[in-house]
Amino acid sequence: MRSSRESERSFGKKRLSIFVDANTIVSALFFEGNEALLLKLGATGACRLVTSEYVLREVANVLRAREFRINHDEIPKVLQFIHRAVVVRDDVSEEDLKERYARLGDKKDVPVLAAFEKFKCDLLVMGDKELLTKVKGAGTTKRALETILRET
């Protein structure tokens, strides 16, 4: 499913495109801090946050976990909020996954890497140490916020 925000054009400078993983989104929803600020900046259009259906399914699974104590009827509302702040793109193809499979030891991160590269985002925001060291453009939320502030 594609967000209507995906077709938005910004005037002047190109908005920074930032791919966010499930941990970043979940942290933004439940905790104050850099991740929450990044999600707010995405919602206001200061940057273009991007993710994939794969990541959104991971977020939905986390939201269903007992420790978060979210009423299951509320989960669709939370997912709608995410769709307003983040462009949610279709999953990448099996071919895209296979091309990148050997690059990572943790195979569950391959869909994140493949989507980040396929969607040609400027930054990949997540906290996974392997991705941070192996992927050009991967960085922390703090780095993304510093980049956004420099660009605006």
C-alpha atoms as a PDB file:
ATOM      1  CA  MET A   1       0.000   0.000   0.000  1.00  0.00           C
ATOM      2  CA  ARG A   2       1.389   3.381  -0.902  1.00  0.00           C
ATOM      3  CA  SER A   3       0.787   6.528   1.047  1.00  0.00           C
ATOM      4  CA  SER A   4      -0.605   9.612  -0.637  1.00  0.00           C
ATOM      5  CA  ARG A   5       2.363  11.465   0.874  1.00  0.00           C
ATOM      6  CA  GLU A   6       4.641   9.488  -1.426  1.00  0.00           C
ATOM      7  CA  SER A   7       3.544  11.541  -4.402  1.00  0.00           C
ATOM      8  CA  GLU A   8       4.094  14.863  -2.635  1.00  0.00           C
ATOM      9  CA  ARG A   9       6.705  17.145  -4.125  1.00  0.00           C
ATOM     10  CA  SER A  10       8.638  19.602  -2.087  1.00  0.00           C
ATOM     11  CA  PHE A  11       9.557  22.950  -3.514  1.00  0.00           C
ATOM     12  CA  GLY A  12      13.193  23.937  -3.534  1.00  0.00           C
ATOM     13  CA  LYS A  13      15.443  21.404  -1.856  1.00  0.00           C
ATOM     14  CA  LYS A  14      14.767  17.705  -2.048  1.00  0.00           C
ATOM     15  CA  ARG A  15      13.581  16.397   1.308  1.00  0.00           C
ATOM     16  CA  LEU A  16      15.865  13.918   2.999  1.00  0.00           C
ATOM     17  CA  SER A  17      14.556  10.377   2.523  1.00  0.00           C
ATOM     18  CA  ILE A  18      15.063   8.177   5.581  1.00  0.00           C
ATOM     19  CA  PHE A  19      14.286   4.464   5.771  1.00  0.00           C
ATOM     20  CA  VAL A  20      13.155   3.474   9.279  1.00  0.00           C
ATOM     21  CA  ASP A  21      13.112  -0.020  10.720  1.00  0.00           C
ATOM     22  CA  ALA A  22      10.634  -1.602  13.139  1.00  0.00           C
ATOM     23  CA  ASN A  23      12.645  -0.829  16.275  1.00  0.00           C
ATOM     24  CA  THR A  24      12.820   2.847  15.360  1.00  0.00           C
ATOM     25  CA  ILE A  25       9.059   3.042  14.798  1.00  0.00           C
ATOM     26  CA  VAL A  26       8.196   1.127  17.979  1.00  0.00           C
ATOM     27  CA  SER A  27      10.552   3.285  20.046  1.00  0.00           C
ATOM     28  CA  ALA A  28       8.951   6.399  18.553  1.00  0.00           C
ATOM     29  CA  LEU A  29       5.492   5.183  19.560  1.00  0.00           C
ATOM     30  CA  PHE A  30       6.296   4.258  23.152  1.00  0.00           C
ATOM     31  CA  PHE A  31       9.144   6.462  24.321  1.00  0.00           C
ATOM     32  CA  GLU A  32       9.988  10.145  24.248  1.00  0.00           C
ATOM     33  CA  GLY A  33      13.331  10.857  22.644  1.00  0.00           C
ATOM     34  CA  ASN A  34      15.069  10.973  19.295  1.00  0.00           C
ATOM     35  CA  GLU A  35      12.866   8.358  17.621  1.00  0.00           C
ATOM     36  CA  ALA A  36       9.669  10.166  18.659  1.00  0.00           C
ATOM     37  CA  LEU A  37      11.101  13.440  17.350  1.00  0.00           C
ATOM     38  CA  LEU A  38      12.037  11.792  14.052  1.00  0.00           C
ATOM     39  CA  LEU A  39       8.496  10.439  13.648  1.00  0.00           C
ATOM     40  CA  LYS A  40       7.075  13.914  14.354  1.00  0.00           C
ATOM     41  CA  LEU A  41       9.391  15.435  11.749  1.00  0.00           C
ATOM     42  CA  GLY A  42       8.188  12.833   9.249  1.00  0.00           C
ATOM     43  CA  ALA A  43       4.564  13.629  10.068  1.00  0.00           C
ATOM     44  CA  THR A  44       5.165  17.346   9.496  1.00  0.00           C
ATOM     45  CA  GLY A  45       7.021  16.795   6.225  1.00  0.00           C
ATOM     46  CA  ALA A  46      10.423  18.037   7.417  1.00  0.00           C
ATOM     47  CA  CYS A  47      11.820  14.785   6.054  1.00  0.00           C
ATOM     48  CA  ARG A  48      10.416  11.840   4.145  1.00  0.00           C
ATOM     49  CA  LEU A  49      10.275   8.732   6.308  1.00  0.00           C
ATOM     50  CA  VAL A  50      10.022   5.492   4.344  1.00  0.00           C
ATOM     51  CA  THR A  51       9.496   1.882   5.345  1.00  0.00           C
ATOM     52  CA  SER A  52       8.204  -1.332   3.827  1.00  0.00           C
ATOM     53  CA  GLU A  53       5.212  -3.572   4.407  1.00  0.00           C
ATOM     54  CA  TYR A  54       7.672  -6.106   5.877  1.00  0.00           C
ATOM     55  CA  VAL A  55       8.704  -3.610   8.563  1.00  0.00           C
ATOM     56  CA  LEU A  56       5.102  -2.590   9.213  1.00  0.00           C
ATOM     57  CA  ARG A  57       4.178  -6.261   9.783  1.00  0.00           C
ATOM     58  CA  GLU A  58       7.010  -6.465  12.325  1.00  0.00           C
ATOM     59  CA  VAL A  59       5.652  -3.359  14.068  1.00  0.00           C
ATOM     60  CA  ALA A  60       2.128  -4.829  14.141  1.00  0.00           C
ATOM     61  CA  ASN A  61       3.481  -8.042  15.679  1.00  0.00           C
ATOM     62  CA  VAL A  62       5.267  -6.069  18.401  1.00  0.00           C
ATOM     63  CA  LEU A  63       2.109  -4.065  19.106  1.00  0.00           C
ATOM     64  CA  ARG A  64       0.229  -7.322  19.691  1.00  0.00           C
ATOM     65  CA  ALA A  65       2.712  -8.411  22.382  1.00  0.00           C
ATOM     66  CA  ARG A  66       1.287  -8.475  25.902  1.00  0.00           C
ATOM     67  CA  GLU A  67       3.971  -6.302  27.433  1.00  0.00           C
ATOM     68  CA  PHE A  68       2.724  -3.258  25.525  1.00  0.00           C
ATOM     69  CA  ARG A  69      -0.829  -3.681  26.832  1.00  0.00           C
ATOM     70  CA  ILE A  70      -2.445  -2.270  23.726  1.00  0.00           C
ATOM     71  CA  ASN A  71      -6.070  -3.125  23.165  1.00  0.00           C
ATOM     72  CA  HIS A  72      -6.126  -5.128  19.929  1.00  0.00           C
ATOM     73  CA  ASP A  73      -8.912  -2.856  18.642  1.00  0.00           C
ATOM     74  CA  GLU A  74      -6.494   0.091  18.884  1.00  0.00           C
ATOM     75  CA  ILE A  75      -3.770  -1.447  16.695  1.00  0.00           C
ATOM     76  CA  PRO A  76      -5.384  -0.386  13.372  1.00  0.00           C
ATOM     77  CA  LYS A  77      -5.505   3.214  14.657  1.00  0.00           C
ATOM     78  CA  VAL A  78      -1.814   3.106  15.549  1.00  0.00           C
ATOM     79  CA  LEU A  79      -1.009   1.690  12.106  1.00  0.00           C
ATOM     80  CA  GLN A  80      -3.058   4.489  10.483  1.00  0.00           C
ATOM     81  CA  PHE A  81      -1.024   7.028  12.423  1.00  0.00           C
ATOM     82  CA  ILE A  82       2.174   5.412  11.140  1.00  0.00           C
ATOM     83  CA  HIS A  83       0.831   5.673   7.573  1.00  0.00           C
ATOM     84  CA  ARG A  84       0.360   9.418   8.076  1.00  0.00           C
ATOM     85  CA  ALA A  85       3.962   9.896   9.223  1.00  0.00           C
ATOM     86  CA  VAL A  86       5.749   7.290   7.110  1.00  0.00           C
ATOM     87  CA  VAL A  87       5.533   6.340   3.441  1.00  0.00           C
ATOM     88  CA  VAL A  88       4.897   2.593   3.454  1.00  0.00           C
ATOM     89  CA  ARG A  89       6.148   0.938   0.267  1.00  0.00           C
ATOM     90  CA  ASP A  90       5.440  -2.544  -1.036  1.00  0.00           C
ATOM     91  CA  ASP A  91       7.896  -5.280  -0.144  1.00  0.00           C
ATOM     92  CA  VAL A  92      10.883  -5.815  -2.390  1.00  0.00           C
ATOM     93  CA  SER A  93      11.037  -8.794  -4.736  1.00  0.00           C
ATOM     94  CA  GLU A  94      12.557 -12.175  -3.955  1.00  0.00           C
ATOM     95  CA  GLU A  95      15.236 -11.332  -6.516  1.00  0.00           C
ATOM     96  CA  ASP A  96      16.166  -8.180  -4.586  1.00  0.00           C
ATOM     97  CA  LEU A  97      16.434 -10.249  -1.410  1.00  0.00           C
ATOM     98  CA  LYS A  98      18.576 -12.938  -3.055  1.00  0.00           C
ATOM     99  CA  GLU A  99      20.998 -10.311  -4.402  1.00  0.00           C
ATOM    100  CA  ARG A 100      21.710  -9.142  -0.845  1.00  0.00           C
ATOM    101  CA  TYR A 101      21.374 -12.376   1.112  1.00  0.00           C
ATOM    102  CA  ALA A 102      25.103 -13.079   1.454  1.00  0.00           C
ATOM    103  CA  ARG A 103      25.900  -9.570   2.707  1.00  0.00           C
ATOM    104  CA  LEU A 104      24.434 -10.025   6.189  1.00  0.00           C
ATOM    105  CA  GLY A 105      24.817 -12.647   8.861  1.00  0.00           C
ATOM    106  CA  ASP A 106      21.406 -11.861  10.377  1.00  0.00           C
ATOM    107  CA  LYS A 107      19.081 -12.896   7.557  1.00  0.00           C
ATOM    108  CA  LYS A 108      16.007 -11.227   9.085  1.00  0.00           C
ATOM    109  CA  ASP A 109      17.657  -7.869   8.316  1.00  0.00           C
ATOM    110  CA  VAL A 110      18.041  -8.626   4.597  1.00  0.00           C
ATOM    111  CA  PRO A 111      14.533  -7.255   3.758  1.00  0.00           C
ATOM    112  CA  VAL A 112      15.437  -3.990   5.523  1.00  0.00           C
ATOM    113  CA  LEU A 113      18.730  -3.681   3.619  1.00  0.00           C
ATOM    114  CA  ALA A 114      17.067  -4.569   0.311  1.00  0.00           C
ATOM    115  CA  ALA A 115      14.251  -2.057   0.791  1.00  0.00           C
ATOM    116  CA  PHE A 116      16.630   0.723   1.847  1.00  0.00           C
ATOM    117  CA  GLU A 117      18.719   0.231  -1.280  1.00  0.00           C
ATOM    118  CA  LYS A 118      15.822  -0.460  -3.668  1.00  0.00           C
ATOM    119  CA  PHE A 119      13.924   2.662  -2.574  1.00  0.00           C
ATOM    120  CA  LYS A 120      17.126   4.743  -2.849  1.00  0.00           C
ATOM    121  CA  CYS A 121      16.761   6.388   0.544  1.00  0.00           C
ATOM    122  CA  ASP A 122      19.429   8.791   1.746  1.00  0.00           C
ATOM    123  CA  LEU A 123      19.733   7.271   5.208  1.00  0.00           C
ATOM    124  CA  LEU A 124      18.880   4.016   6.953  1.00  0.00           C
ATOM    125  CA  VAL A 125      17.978   4.605  10.593  1.00  0.00           C
ATOM    126  CA  MET A 126      18.203   1.663  12.927  1.00  0.00           C
ATOM    127  CA  GLY A 127      20.297   0.389  15.798  1.00  0.00           C
ATOM    128  CA  ASP A 128      21.525  -2.932  14.421  1.00  0.00           C
ATOM    129  CA  LYS A 129      25.313  -3.037  14.789  1.00  0.00           C
ATOM    130  CA  GLU A 130      25.864  -5.227  11.735  1.00  0.00           C
ATOM    131  CA  LEU A 131      23.918  -2.892   9.461  1.00  0.00           C
ATOM    132  CA  LEU A 132      25.598   0.155  10.999  1.00  0.00           C
ATOM    133  CA  THR A 133      29.024  -1.228  10.111  1.00  0.00           C
ATOM    134  CA  LYS A 134      28.262  -2.835   6.739  1.00  0.00           C
ATOM    135  CA  VAL A 135      25.809  -0.468   5.041  1.00  0.00           C
ATOM    136  CA  LYS A 136      26.799   2.890   3.609  1.00  0.00           C
ATOM    137  CA  GLY A 137      24.176   5.403   4.703  1.00  0.00           C
ATOM    138  CA  ALA A 138      23.169   3.491   7.847  1.00  0.00           C
ATOM    139  CA  GLY A 139      23.191   5.488  11.035  1.00  0.00           C
ATOM    140  CA  THR A 140      21.579   6.224  14.328  1.00  0.00           C
ATOM    141  CA  THR A 141      18.498   8.324  14.895  1.00  0.00           C
ATOM    142  CA  LYS A 142      20.712  11.027  16.392  1.00  0.00           C
ATOM    143  CA  ARG A 143      22.738  11.189  13.166  1.00  0.00           C
ATOM    144  CA  ALA A 144      19.525  11.472  11.121  1.00  0.00           C
ATOM    145  CA  LEU A 145      18.263  14.335  13.292  1.00  0.00           C
ATOM    146  CA  GLU A 146      21.582  16.162  12.951  1.00  0.00           C
ATOM    147  CA  THR A 147      21.417  15.717   9.169  1.00  0.00           C
ATOM    148  CA  ILE A 148      17.834  17.024   9.020  1.00  0.00           C
ATOM    149  CA  LEU A 149      18.782  20.098  11.058  1.00  0.00           C
ATOM    150  CA  ARG A 150      21.767  20.778   8.787  1.00  0.00           C
ATOM    151  CA  GLU A 151      19.618  20.491   5.662  1.00  0.00           C
ATOM    152  CA  THR A 152      16.798  22.787   6.804  1.00  0.00           C
END
